[in-house]
C-alpha cells in the first residue's frame, strides 16, 4: 500500500503539468505550432493575446521557456519597436471572444474552454 501511495504522489505533478493549455486562433487563420512559437518569440507578426490565468503553463508547455524568460524577451522587443505588445485578457472566455472577432490573432486557453468559435493550433 505504501508503494502505491508513493507512486500516486509521484504522478500527481505530471497530471498538473499537462493541464491542457492550448494555442488557439481565429478559424479563418491557418497557423502551425511553429508559427505560434515564432510569434511569441517576436519572429513573425500576429496579434498576440495573453491569458493572465494560464501564461505560466503556456510558456513552459508550448513555448518551452519560463514565463520570466519569455516576458523579458517580449519587453525588449516591444521597447525596441520590433514587436507589438501582447493584449492581456483575464479569462479563457475573454480570449476566445477576442480571437473569434479578430482574424490574425493567436492566444491560449485551457483546453476545456475551447469551443467552435476558435481553432486549436496543432
C-alpha atoms as a PDB file:
ATOM      1  CA  UNK A   1       0.000   0.000   0.000  1.00  0.00           C
ATOM      2  CA  UNK A   2       2.855   2.363   0.846  1.00  0.00           C
ATOM      3  CA  UNK A   3       4.446   1.806  -2.584  1.00  0.00           C
ATOM      4  CA  UNK A   4       1.113   2.511  -4.263  1.00  0.00           C
ATOM      5  CA  UNK A   5       0.763   5.810  -2.377  1.00  0.00           C
ATOM      6  CA  UNK A   6       4.304   6.841  -3.308  1.00  0.00           C
ATOM      7  CA  UNK A   7       3.675   6.008  -6.975  1.00  0.00           C
ATOM      8  CA  UNK A   8       0.428   8.002  -6.911  1.00  0.00           C
ATOM      9  CA  UNK A   9       2.112  11.008  -5.285  1.00  0.00           C
ATOM     10  CA  UNK A  10       4.934  10.944  -7.838  1.00  0.00           C
ATOM     11  CA  UNK A  11       2.417  11.004 -10.682  1.00  0.00           C
ATOM     12  CA  UNK A  12       0.419  13.949  -9.300  1.00  0.00           C
ATOM     13  CA  UNK A  13       2.800  16.662 -10.548  1.00  0.00           C
ATOM     14  CA  UNK A  14       2.663  15.115 -14.019  1.00  0.00           C
ATOM     15  CA  UNK A  15      -1.092  15.467 -14.180  1.00  0.00           C
ATOM     16  CA  UNK A  16      -0.840  19.144 -13.254  1.00  0.00           C
ATOM     17  CA  UNK A  17       1.939  19.764 -15.781  1.00  0.00           C
ATOM     18  CA  UNK A  18      -0.249  18.507 -18.592  1.00  0.00           C
ATOM     19  CA  UNK A  19      -3.196  20.644 -17.543  1.00  0.00           C
ATOM     20  CA  UNK A  20      -4.133  21.226 -21.156  1.00  0.00           C
ATOM     21  CA  UNK A  21      -3.244  24.739 -22.235  1.00  0.00           C
ATOM     22  CA  UNK A  22      -3.659  25.032 -25.996  1.00  0.00           C
ATOM     23  CA  UNK A  23      -2.910  27.736 -28.540  1.00  0.00           C
ATOM     24  CA  UNK A  24      -5.954  28.961 -30.457  1.00  0.00           C
ATOM     25  CA  UNK A  25      -6.604  31.156 -33.471  1.00  0.00           C
ATOM     26  CA  UNK A  26      -9.488  32.511 -35.473  1.00  0.00           C
ATOM     27  CA  UNK A  27     -10.998  29.667 -37.550  1.00  0.00           C
ATOM     28  CA  UNK A  28     -10.188  31.579 -40.760  1.00  0.00           C
ATOM     29  CA  UNK A  29      -6.429  31.546 -39.982  1.00  0.00           C
ATOM     30  CA  UNK A  30      -4.068  28.659 -40.718  1.00  0.00           C
ATOM     31  CA  UNK A  31      -1.277  28.768 -38.141  1.00  0.00           C
ATOM     32  CA  UNK A  32       1.025  25.873 -37.238  1.00  0.00           C
ATOM     33  CA  UNK A  33       2.655  25.181 -33.882  1.00  0.00           C
ATOM     34  CA  UNK A  34       5.933  26.646 -35.172  1.00  0.00           C
ATOM     35  CA  UNK A  35       4.036  29.819 -36.167  1.00  0.00           C
ATOM     36  CA  UNK A  36       2.824  30.093 -32.577  1.00  0.00           C
ATOM     37  CA  UNK A  37       6.322  29.694 -31.153  1.00  0.00           C
ATOM     38  CA  UNK A  38       7.776  32.161 -33.654  1.00  0.00           C
ATOM     39  CA  UNK A  39       5.045  34.721 -32.943  1.00  0.00           C
ATOM     40  CA  UNK A  40       5.666  34.611 -29.195  1.00  0.00           C
ATOM     41  CA  UNK A  41       9.398  34.950 -29.813  1.00  0.00           C
ATOM     42  CA  UNK A  42       8.742  38.018 -31.979  1.00  0.00           C
ATOM     43  CA  UNK A  43       9.962  36.370 -35.181  1.00  0.00           C
ATOM     44  CA  UNK A  44       6.637  36.679 -37.040  1.00  0.00           C
ATOM     45  CA  UNK A  45       3.773  39.099 -36.763  1.00  0.00           C
ATOM     46  CA  UNK A  46       0.432  38.205 -35.261  1.00  0.00           C
ATOM     47  CA  UNK A  47      -1.809  39.909 -32.728  1.00  0.00           C
ATOM     48  CA  UNK A  48      -0.819  38.053 -29.566  1.00  0.00           C
ATOM     49  CA  UNK A  49      -3.415  37.607 -26.849  1.00  0.00           C
ATOM     50  CA  UNK A  50      -2.189  36.665 -23.380  1.00  0.00           C
ATOM     51  CA  UNK A  51      -4.341  34.855 -20.864  1.00  0.00           C
ATOM     52  CA  UNK A  52      -3.121  36.033 -17.484  1.00  0.00           C
ATOM     53  CA  UNK A  53      -4.514  32.943 -15.757  1.00  0.00           C
ATOM     54  CA  UNK A  54      -2.690  30.402 -17.944  1.00  0.00           C
ATOM     55  CA  UNK A  55       0.530  32.126 -19.010  1.00  0.00           C
ATOM     56  CA  UNK A  56       2.985  30.052 -16.946  1.00  0.00           C
ATOM     57  CA  UNK A  57       1.641  26.762 -18.308  1.00  0.00           C
ATOM     58  CA  UNK A  58       1.580  28.078 -21.888  1.00  0.00           C
ATOM     59  CA  UNK A  59       5.134  29.387 -21.798  1.00  0.00           C
ATOM     60  CA  UNK A  60       6.580  26.206 -20.309  1.00  0.00           C
ATOM     61  CA  UNK A  61       4.465  23.623 -22.193  1.00  0.00           C
ATOM     62  CA  UNK A  62       4.111  25.230 -25.631  1.00  0.00           C
ATOM     63  CA  UNK A  63       6.999  27.698 -25.943  1.00  0.00           C
ATOM     64  CA  UNK A  64       9.423  25.642 -23.850  1.00  0.00           C
ATOM     65  CA  UNK A  65      10.697  28.594 -21.801  1.00  0.00           C
ATOM     66  CA  UNK A  66       9.999  30.015 -18.363  1.00  0.00           C
ATOM     67  CA  UNK A  67       7.448  32.812 -18.074  1.00  0.00           C
ATOM     68  CA  UNK A  68      10.091  35.276 -16.880  1.00  0.00           C
ATOM     69  CA  UNK A  69      12.359  34.429 -19.825  1.00  0.00           C
ATOM     70  CA  UNK A  70       9.597  34.944 -22.399  1.00  0.00           C
ATOM     71  CA  UNK A  71       8.334  38.111 -20.721  1.00  0.00           C
ATOM     72  CA  UNK A  72      11.836  39.639 -20.699  1.00  0.00           C
ATOM     73  CA  UNK A  73      12.266  38.866 -24.391  1.00  0.00           C
ATOM     74  CA  UNK A  74       8.861  40.351 -25.224  1.00  0.00           C
ATOM     75  CA  UNK A  75       9.603  43.529 -23.242  1.00  0.00           C
ATOM     76  CA  UNK A  76      12.946  44.008 -25.025  1.00  0.00           C
ATOM     77  CA  UNK A  77      11.364  43.559 -28.447  1.00  0.00           C
ATOM     78  CA  UNK A  78       8.440  45.845 -27.621  1.00  0.00           C
ATOM     79  CA  UNK A  79      10.800  48.529 -26.269  1.00  0.00           C
ATOM     80  CA  UNK A  80      12.959  48.345 -29.403  1.00  0.00           C
ATOM     81  CA  UNK A  81       9.889  48.568 -31.662  1.00  0.00           C
ATOM     82  CA  UNK A  82      10.388  45.130 -33.197  1.00  0.00           C
ATOM     83  CA  UNK A  83       7.183  43.700 -31.740  1.00  0.00           C
ATOM     84  CA  UNK A  84       3.741  44.902 -30.658  1.00  0.00           C
ATOM     85  CA  UNK A  85       2.891  44.166 -27.029  1.00  0.00           C
ATOM     86  CA  UNK A  86       0.521  41.256 -26.425  1.00  0.00           C
ATOM     87  CA  UNK A  87      -3.035  42.129 -25.475  1.00  0.00           C
ATOM     88  CA  UNK A  88      -3.603  40.755 -21.975  1.00  0.00           C
ATOM     89  CA  UNK A  89      -7.018  39.390 -21.055  1.00  0.00           C
ATOM     90  CA  UNK A  90      -8.053  37.796 -17.782  1.00  0.00           C
ATOM     91  CA  UNK A  91     -10.058  34.716 -18.704  1.00  0.00           C
ATOM     92  CA  UNK A  92     -10.458  31.996 -21.292  1.00  0.00           C
ATOM     93  CA  UNK A  93     -13.844  33.382 -22.340  1.00  0.00           C
ATOM     94  CA  UNK A  94     -12.371  36.855 -22.969  1.00  0.00           C
ATOM     95  CA  UNK A  95      -9.548  35.355 -25.055  1.00  0.00           C
ATOM     96  CA  UNK A  96     -11.966  33.236 -27.099  1.00  0.00           C
ATOM     97  CA  UNK A  97     -14.289  36.196 -27.681  1.00  0.00           C
ATOM     98  CA  UNK A  98     -11.403  38.428 -28.798  1.00  0.00           C
ATOM     99  CA  UNK A  99      -9.788  35.845 -31.092  1.00  0.00           C
ATOM    100  CA  UNK A 100     -13.064  34.835 -32.724  1.00  0.00           C
ATOM    101  CA  UNK A 101     -13.671  38.503 -33.607  1.00  0.00           C
ATOM    102  CA  UNK A 102     -10.115  39.314 -34.770  1.00  0.00           C
ATOM    103  CA  UNK A 103      -8.533  37.302 -37.595  1.00  0.00           C
ATOM    104  CA  UNK A 104      -4.748  37.201 -37.383  1.00  0.00           C
ATOM    105  CA  UNK A 105      -4.703  36.827 -33.609  1.00  0.00           C
ATOM    106  CA  UNK A 106      -3.165  33.982 -31.603  1.00  0.00           C
ATOM    107  CA  UNK A 107      -3.810  33.250 -27.949  1.00  0.00           C
ATOM    108  CA  UNK A 108      -4.016  30.418 -25.482  1.00  0.00           C
ATOM    109  CA  UNK A 109      -6.691  28.944 -23.244  1.00  0.00           C
ATOM    110  CA  UNK A 110      -7.290  25.831 -21.173  1.00  0.00           C
ATOM    111  CA  UNK A 111      -8.337  23.003 -23.466  1.00  0.00           C
ATOM    112  CA  UNK A 112     -11.589  22.550 -21.548  1.00  0.00           C
ATOM    113  CA  UNK A 113     -12.679  26.052 -22.653  1.00  0.00           C
ATOM    114  CA  UNK A 114     -12.244  25.553 -26.405  1.00  0.00           C
ATOM    115  CA  UNK A 115     -15.415  25.888 -28.452  1.00  0.00           C
ATOM    116  CA  UNK A 116     -16.330  26.235 -32.124  1.00  0.00           C
ATOM    117  CA  UNK A 117     -15.556  29.982 -32.134  1.00  0.00           C
ATOM    118  CA  UNK A 118     -11.798  29.268 -32.230  1.00  0.00           C
ATOM    119  CA  UNK A 119      -9.468  26.703 -33.783  1.00  0.00           C
ATOM    120  CA  UNK A 120      -6.857  24.757 -31.803  1.00  0.00           C
ATOM    121  CA  UNK A 121      -3.420  25.117 -33.389  1.00  0.00           C
ATOM    122  CA  UNK A 122      -1.610  21.790 -33.697  1.00  0.00           C
END
